[in-house]
Amino acid sequence: MKTIGKLVTGMMFCTAFSLSGYGQQLLASNENPALPNTQEKQVTVKNSSERSIAIFAGPKEEIRDPRLRTYGGLSSNSVYVKPNDVVCLMSGEKKPIACTIIKPETTVVEVNSSATAVTGK
């Protein structure tokens, strides 16, 4: 009888410890993942061209009806954007000429001297 009692007690402990480990794994897999950095940040737009340019800065979805900002030649200006937004060089007809996607590490967007390309750095 003592042997059966010891076996039953041992099985109870093994079951309890295996279930407690399973519960910890469930908790670990249900934790919320860290959200990506979605805060707005300041990015400098450097215009290396001698002529004025039109810039769109914002979510890619809004490029069909863009709010444009005009910047003078050989200037540095600031825009506020979120990661995964775009900064686009636009034509007079509100059509994109060149775009760059803003990454979390991007701090400067530069327009080349011929106003045909945009690069994020």
N, C-alpha and C. Protein backbone atom coordinates (compact mmCIF):
# COMPACT_ATOMS: atom_id res chain seq x y z
N MET A 1 0.82 -1.19 0.00
CA MET A 1 0.00 0.00 0.00
C MET A 1 0.87 1.26 0.00
N LYS A 2 1.97 1.22 0.80
CA LYS A 2 2.86 2.37 0.84
C LYS A 2 3.51 2.59 -0.52
N THR A 3 3.79 1.53 -1.23
CA THR A 3 4.41 1.64 -2.54
C THR A 3 3.46 2.31 -3.52
N ILE A 4 2.20 1.94 -3.48
CA ILE A 4 1.21 2.54 -4.39
C ILE A 4 1.03 4.03 -4.05
N GLY A 5 1.02 4.36 -2.79
CA GLY A 5 0.90 5.76 -2.36
C GLY A 5 2.07 6.59 -2.85
N LYS A 6 3.28 6.02 -2.76
CA LYS A 6 4.46 6.74 -3.24
C LYS A 6 4.41 6.94 -4.75
N LEU A 7 3.94 5.94 -5.50
CA LEU A 7 3.81 6.06 -6.94
C LEU A 7 2.79 7.14 -7.33
N VAL A 8 1.66 7.14 -6.65
CA VAL A 8 0.62 8.13 -6.93
C VAL A 8 1.12 9.54 -6.60
N THR A 9 1.80 9.68 -5.47
CA THR A 9 2.35 10.99 -5.08
C THR A 9 3.40 11.45 -6.10
N GLY A 10 4.25 10.56 -6.53
CA GLY A 10 5.28 10.89 -7.53
C GLY A 10 4.65 11.31 -8.85
N MET A 11 3.59 10.62 -9.26
CA MET A 11 2.91 10.97 -10.51
C MET A 11 2.25 12.34 -10.39
N MET A 12 1.71 12.66 -9.21
CA MET A 12 1.07 13.97 -9.00
C MET A 12 2.12 15.09 -9.12
N PHE A 13 3.28 14.89 -8.50
CA PHE A 13 4.33 15.91 -8.58
C PHE A 13 4.81 16.09 -10.01
N CYS A 14 5.00 14.99 -10.72
CA CYS A 14 5.45 15.09 -12.11
C CYS A 14 4.43 15.83 -12.97
N THR A 15 3.15 15.51 -12.77
CA THR A 15 2.09 16.18 -13.52
C THR A 15 2.05 17.67 -13.18
N ALA A 16 2.15 18.01 -11.91
CA ALA A 16 2.09 19.41 -11.49
C ALA A 16 3.26 20.20 -12.07
N PHE A 17 4.46 19.63 -12.01
CA PHE A 17 5.63 20.35 -12.54
C PHE A 17 5.58 20.47 -14.06
N SER A 18 5.08 19.46 -14.75
CA SER A 18 5.01 19.56 -16.21
C SER A 18 3.95 20.58 -16.63
N LEU A 19 2.84 20.68 -15.91
CA LEU A 19 1.81 21.67 -16.24
C LEU A 19 2.28 23.09 -15.92
N SER A 20 3.05 23.24 -14.85
CA SER A 20 3.53 24.59 -14.53
C SER A 20 4.50 25.07 -15.61
N GLY A 21 5.33 24.20 -16.14
CA GLY A 21 6.22 24.57 -17.23
C GLY A 21 5.45 24.89 -18.50
N TYR A 22 4.36 24.17 -18.75
CA TYR A 22 3.53 24.45 -19.92
C TYR A 22 2.87 25.81 -19.80
N GLY A 23 2.42 26.16 -18.62
CA GLY A 23 1.80 27.46 -18.39
C GLY A 23 2.77 28.60 -18.64
N GLN A 24 4.03 28.42 -18.25
CA GLN A 24 5.02 29.46 -18.48
C GLN A 24 5.28 29.64 -19.98
N GLN A 25 5.27 28.58 -20.74
CA GLN A 25 5.47 28.68 -22.17
C GLN A 25 4.30 29.41 -22.82
N LEU A 26 3.07 29.14 -22.35
CA LEU A 26 1.92 29.84 -22.89
C LEU A 26 1.99 31.33 -22.61
N LEU A 27 2.39 31.69 -21.41
CA LEU A 27 2.50 33.10 -21.08
C LEU A 27 3.54 33.78 -21.96
N ALA A 28 4.64 33.12 -22.19
CA ALA A 28 5.70 33.72 -23.00
C ALA A 28 5.25 33.90 -24.44
N SER A 29 4.48 32.97 -24.98
CA SER A 29 4.06 33.09 -26.36
C SER A 29 2.91 34.07 -26.54
N ASN A 30 2.18 34.41 -25.48
CA ASN A 30 1.05 35.33 -25.59
C ASN A 30 1.41 36.76 -25.24
N GLU A 31 2.65 37.02 -24.88
CA GLU A 31 3.04 38.39 -24.57
C GLU A 31 2.95 39.25 -25.81
N ASN A 32 2.63 40.54 -25.61
CA ASN A 32 2.53 41.45 -26.74
C ASN A 32 3.92 41.76 -27.28
N PRO A 33 4.12 41.63 -28.59
CA PRO A 33 5.42 41.99 -29.14
C PRO A 33 5.60 43.50 -29.08
N ALA A 34 6.83 43.93 -29.07
CA ALA A 34 7.12 45.36 -29.03
C ALA A 34 6.62 46.02 -30.31
N LEU A 35 5.93 47.14 -30.16
CA LEU A 35 5.43 47.85 -31.32
C LEU A 35 6.57 48.58 -32.01
N PRO A 36 6.55 48.67 -33.33
CA PRO A 36 7.60 49.41 -34.02
C PRO A 36 7.52 50.90 -33.67
N ASN A 37 8.62 51.57 -33.85
CA ASN A 37 8.68 52.99 -33.54
C ASN A 37 7.81 53.75 -34.53
N THR A 38 6.67 54.27 -34.03
CA THR A 38 5.75 54.98 -34.91
C THR A 38 5.62 56.45 -34.52
N GLN A 39 6.56 56.94 -33.76
CA GLN A 39 6.50 58.34 -33.37
C GLN A 39 7.02 59.23 -34.48
N GLU A 40 6.40 60.39 -34.58
CA GLU A 40 6.80 61.37 -35.57
C GLU A 40 8.18 61.91 -35.22
N LYS A 41 9.00 62.13 -36.24
CA LYS A 41 10.33 62.67 -36.01
C LYS A 41 10.66 63.72 -37.05
N GLN A 42 11.64 64.54 -36.74
CA GLN A 42 12.05 65.62 -37.62
C GLN A 42 13.13 65.10 -38.58
N VAL A 43 12.93 65.38 -39.86
CA VAL A 43 13.89 65.00 -40.89
C VAL A 43 14.23 66.27 -41.67
N THR A 44 15.52 66.47 -41.93
CA THR A 44 15.97 67.63 -42.68
C THR A 44 15.95 67.33 -44.17
N VAL A 45 15.35 68.22 -44.94
CA VAL A 45 15.32 68.10 -46.40
C VAL A 45 16.33 69.10 -46.94
N LYS A 46 17.42 68.58 -47.55
CA LYS A 46 18.45 69.43 -48.15
C LYS A 46 18.22 69.51 -49.65
N ASN A 47 18.04 70.71 -50.13
CA ASN A 47 17.88 70.94 -51.57
C ASN A 47 19.22 71.38 -52.13
N SER A 48 19.90 70.50 -52.85
CA SER A 48 21.19 70.82 -53.46
C SER A 48 21.03 71.46 -54.84
N SER A 49 19.81 71.57 -55.31
CA SER A 49 19.53 72.18 -56.60
C SER A 49 19.42 73.70 -56.44
N GLU A 50 19.70 74.42 -57.51
CA GLU A 50 19.59 75.88 -57.47
C GLU A 50 18.17 76.36 -57.73
N ARG A 51 17.27 75.48 -58.09
CA ARG A 51 15.90 75.91 -58.35
C ARG A 51 14.97 75.44 -57.23
N SER A 52 13.80 76.04 -57.18
CA SER A 52 12.80 75.66 -56.17
C SER A 52 12.23 74.28 -56.49
N ILE A 53 11.85 73.57 -55.44
CA ILE A 53 11.31 72.22 -55.60
C ILE A 53 10.01 72.10 -54.80
N ALA A 54 9.17 71.16 -55.21
CA ALA A 54 7.95 70.83 -54.49
C ALA A 54 8.15 69.47 -53.85
N ILE A 55 7.85 69.37 -52.55
CA ILE A 55 8.05 68.14 -51.79
C ILE A 55 6.74 67.69 -51.17
N PHE A 56 6.48 66.38 -51.25
CA PHE A 56 5.40 65.76 -50.49
C PHE A 56 6.05 64.92 -49.40
N ALA A 57 5.60 65.08 -48.16
CA ALA A 57 6.10 64.27 -47.05
C ALA A 57 4.91 63.75 -46.27
N GLY A 58 4.78 62.42 -46.20
CA GLY A 58 3.66 61.84 -45.47
C GLY A 58 3.44 60.39 -45.84
N PRO A 59 2.28 59.83 -45.44
CA PRO A 59 1.97 58.43 -45.76
C PRO A 59 1.84 58.21 -47.26
N LYS A 60 2.27 57.05 -47.69
CA LYS A 60 2.25 56.72 -49.12
C LYS A 60 0.82 56.77 -49.69
N GLU A 61 -0.17 56.47 -48.87
CA GLU A 61 -1.56 56.44 -49.33
C GLU A 61 -2.05 57.83 -49.74
N GLU A 62 -1.47 58.89 -49.20
CA GLU A 62 -1.94 60.24 -49.48
C GLU A 62 -1.27 60.87 -50.71
N ILE A 63 -0.44 60.14 -51.42
CA ILE A 63 0.29 60.71 -52.54
C ILE A 63 -0.62 61.00 -53.74
N ARG A 64 -1.80 60.41 -53.78
CA ARG A 64 -2.72 60.68 -54.89
C ARG A 64 -3.34 62.06 -54.80
N ASP A 65 -3.47 62.58 -53.59
CA ASP A 65 -3.97 63.94 -53.38
C ASP A 65 -3.01 64.64 -52.43
N PRO A 66 -1.80 64.97 -52.91
CA PRO A 66 -0.74 65.41 -52.01
C PRO A 66 -0.87 66.87 -51.56
N ARG A 67 -0.41 67.11 -50.34
CA ARG A 67 -0.22 68.47 -49.86
C ARG A 67 1.26 68.78 -50.08
N LEU A 68 1.53 69.71 -50.97
CA LEU A 68 2.90 70.00 -51.36
C LEU A 68 3.47 71.17 -50.56
N ARG A 69 4.77 71.11 -50.34
CA ARG A 69 5.52 72.21 -49.74
C ARG A 69 6.58 72.61 -50.75
N THR A 70 6.74 73.89 -50.95
CA THR A 70 7.74 74.39 -51.90
C THR A 70 8.93 74.93 -51.12
N TYR A 71 10.13 74.51 -51.54
CA TYR A 71 11.36 74.96 -50.88
C TYR A 71 12.26 75.60 -51.94
N GLY A 72 12.92 76.67 -51.54
CA GLY A 72 13.83 77.38 -52.43
C GLY A 72 15.09 76.60 -52.72
N GLY A 73 15.84 77.07 -53.69
CA GLY A 73 17.08 76.41 -54.09
C GLY A 73 18.17 76.55 -53.04
N LEU A 74 19.03 75.55 -52.97
CA LEU A 74 20.16 75.51 -52.05
C LEU A 74 19.73 75.81 -50.61
N SER A 75 18.72 75.08 -50.14
CA SER A 75 18.20 75.32 -48.80
C SER A 75 18.12 74.04 -47.99
N SER A 76 17.97 74.21 -46.69
CA SER A 76 17.73 73.10 -45.77
C SER A 76 16.45 73.42 -45.01
N ASN A 77 15.54 72.47 -44.98
CA ASN A 77 14.24 72.65 -44.33
C ASN A 77 13.91 71.40 -43.53
N SER A 78 12.98 71.51 -42.61
CA SER A 78 12.58 70.38 -41.78
C SER A 78 11.16 69.96 -42.09
N VAL A 79 10.94 68.65 -42.08
CA VAL A 79 9.60 68.08 -42.19
C VAL A 79 9.44 67.08 -41.04
N TYR A 80 8.21 66.83 -40.66
CA TYR A 80 7.92 65.86 -39.61
C TYR A 80 7.22 64.67 -40.24
N VAL A 81 7.84 63.50 -40.11
CA VAL A 81 7.32 62.27 -40.71
C VAL A 81 7.48 61.12 -39.73
N LYS A 82 6.81 60.02 -40.03
CA LYS A 82 6.92 58.79 -39.25
C LYS A 82 7.72 57.77 -40.07
N PRO A 83 8.30 56.77 -39.42
CA PRO A 83 8.94 55.70 -40.18
C PRO A 83 7.93 55.06 -41.14
N ASN A 84 8.38 54.68 -42.31
CA ASN A 84 7.60 54.10 -43.41
C ASN A 84 6.78 55.13 -44.18
N ASP A 85 6.87 56.41 -43.82
CA ASP A 85 6.30 57.46 -44.67
C ASP A 85 7.24 57.68 -45.84
N VAL A 86 6.79 58.46 -46.81
CA VAL A 86 7.63 58.76 -47.96
C VAL A 86 7.88 60.27 -48.06
N VAL A 87 9.02 60.61 -48.63
CA VAL A 87 9.32 61.99 -49.02
C VAL A 87 9.56 61.93 -50.52
N CYS A 88 8.73 62.69 -51.26
CA CYS A 88 8.78 62.63 -52.73
C CYS A 88 9.04 64.01 -53.32
N LEU A 89 9.86 64.02 -54.34
CA LEU A 89 10.07 65.20 -55.17
C LEU A 89 8.95 65.19 -56.20
N MET A 90 8.18 66.29 -56.30
CA MET A 90 6.98 66.30 -57.12
C MET A 90 7.14 67.27 -58.30
N SER A 91 6.43 66.98 -59.38
CA SER A 91 6.41 67.87 -60.54
C SER A 91 5.33 68.92 -60.34
N GLY A 92 5.25 69.87 -61.29
CA GLY A 92 4.23 70.90 -61.23
C GLY A 92 2.82 70.35 -61.37
N GLU A 93 2.67 69.19 -61.99
CA GLU A 93 1.36 68.56 -62.16
C GLU A 93 1.00 67.63 -61.00
N LYS A 94 1.71 67.75 -59.90
CA LYS A 94 1.52 66.92 -58.70
C LYS A 94 1.76 65.44 -58.97
N LYS A 95 2.73 65.15 -59.79
CA LYS A 95 3.15 63.78 -60.08
C LYS A 95 4.51 63.54 -59.45
N PRO A 96 4.72 62.37 -58.82
CA PRO A 96 6.02 62.10 -58.20
C PRO A 96 7.13 61.92 -59.24
N ILE A 97 8.26 62.57 -59.00
CA ILE A 97 9.44 62.41 -59.83
C ILE A 97 10.34 61.34 -59.22
N ALA A 98 10.56 61.46 -57.90
CA ALA A 98 11.40 60.50 -57.18
C ALA A 98 10.95 60.48 -55.72
N CYS A 99 11.06 59.31 -55.08
CA CYS A 99 10.63 59.15 -53.68
C CYS A 99 11.66 58.37 -52.89
N THR A 100 11.63 58.56 -51.58
CA THR A 100 12.42 57.74 -50.68
C THR A 100 11.55 57.39 -49.47
N ILE A 101 11.72 56.19 -48.96
CA ILE A 101 10.98 55.75 -47.79
C ILE A 101 11.78 56.10 -46.55
N ILE A 102 11.12 56.66 -45.57
CA ILE A 102 11.76 57.05 -44.32
C ILE A 102 11.91 55.82 -43.43
N LYS A 103 13.15 55.53 -43.06
CA LYS A 103 13.45 54.42 -42.15
C LYS A 103 13.63 55.00 -40.75
N PRO A 104 13.58 54.16 -39.72
CA PRO A 104 13.74 54.68 -38.36
C PRO A 104 15.06 55.44 -38.14
N GLU A 105 16.10 55.09 -38.88
CA GLU A 105 17.40 55.75 -38.69
C GLU A 105 17.62 56.95 -39.61
N THR A 106 16.67 57.26 -40.51
CA THR A 106 16.83 58.37 -41.45
C THR A 106 16.73 59.71 -40.72
N THR A 107 17.69 60.58 -40.98
CA THR A 107 17.68 61.93 -40.38
C THR A 107 17.74 63.02 -41.44
N VAL A 108 18.25 62.69 -42.64
CA VAL A 108 18.41 63.68 -43.71
C VAL A 108 17.91 63.08 -45.01
N VAL A 109 17.17 63.90 -45.76
CA VAL A 109 16.75 63.55 -47.12
C VAL A 109 17.36 64.60 -48.03
N GLU A 110 18.08 64.15 -49.06
CA GLU A 110 18.80 65.09 -49.92
C GLU A 110 18.30 64.99 -51.36
N VAL A 111 18.02 66.16 -51.94
CA VAL A 111 17.64 66.27 -53.35
C VAL A 111 18.92 66.61 -54.12
N ASN A 112 19.19 65.87 -55.21
CA ASN A 112 20.43 66.09 -55.94
C ASN A 112 20.44 67.43 -56.67
N SER A 113 21.57 67.79 -57.22
CA SER A 113 21.74 69.12 -57.82
C SER A 113 20.92 69.35 -59.08
N SER A 114 20.51 68.28 -59.76
CA SER A 114 19.67 68.45 -60.95
C SER A 114 18.18 68.29 -60.61
N ALA A 115 17.85 68.11 -59.36
CA ALA A 115 16.45 67.95 -58.89
C ALA A 115 15.74 66.80 -59.58
N THR A 116 16.45 65.66 -59.69
CA THR A 116 15.83 64.49 -60.32
C THR A 116 15.80 63.25 -59.40
N ALA A 117 16.47 63.33 -58.24
CA ALA A 117 16.55 62.20 -57.34
C ALA A 117 16.50 62.64 -55.88
N VAL A 118 16.00 61.74 -55.04
CA VAL A 118 15.92 61.98 -53.59
C VAL A 118 16.55 60.78 -52.90
N THR A 119 17.41 61.04 -51.90
CA THR A 119 18.02 59.94 -51.14
C THR A 119 17.87 60.22 -49.66
N GLY A 120 17.61 59.17 -48.91
CA GLY A 120 17.51 59.28 -47.45
C GLY A 120 18.78 58.77 -46.82
N LYS A 121 19.26 59.51 -45.83
CA LYS A 121 20.50 59.13 -45.14
C LYS A 121 20.27 59.10 -43.65
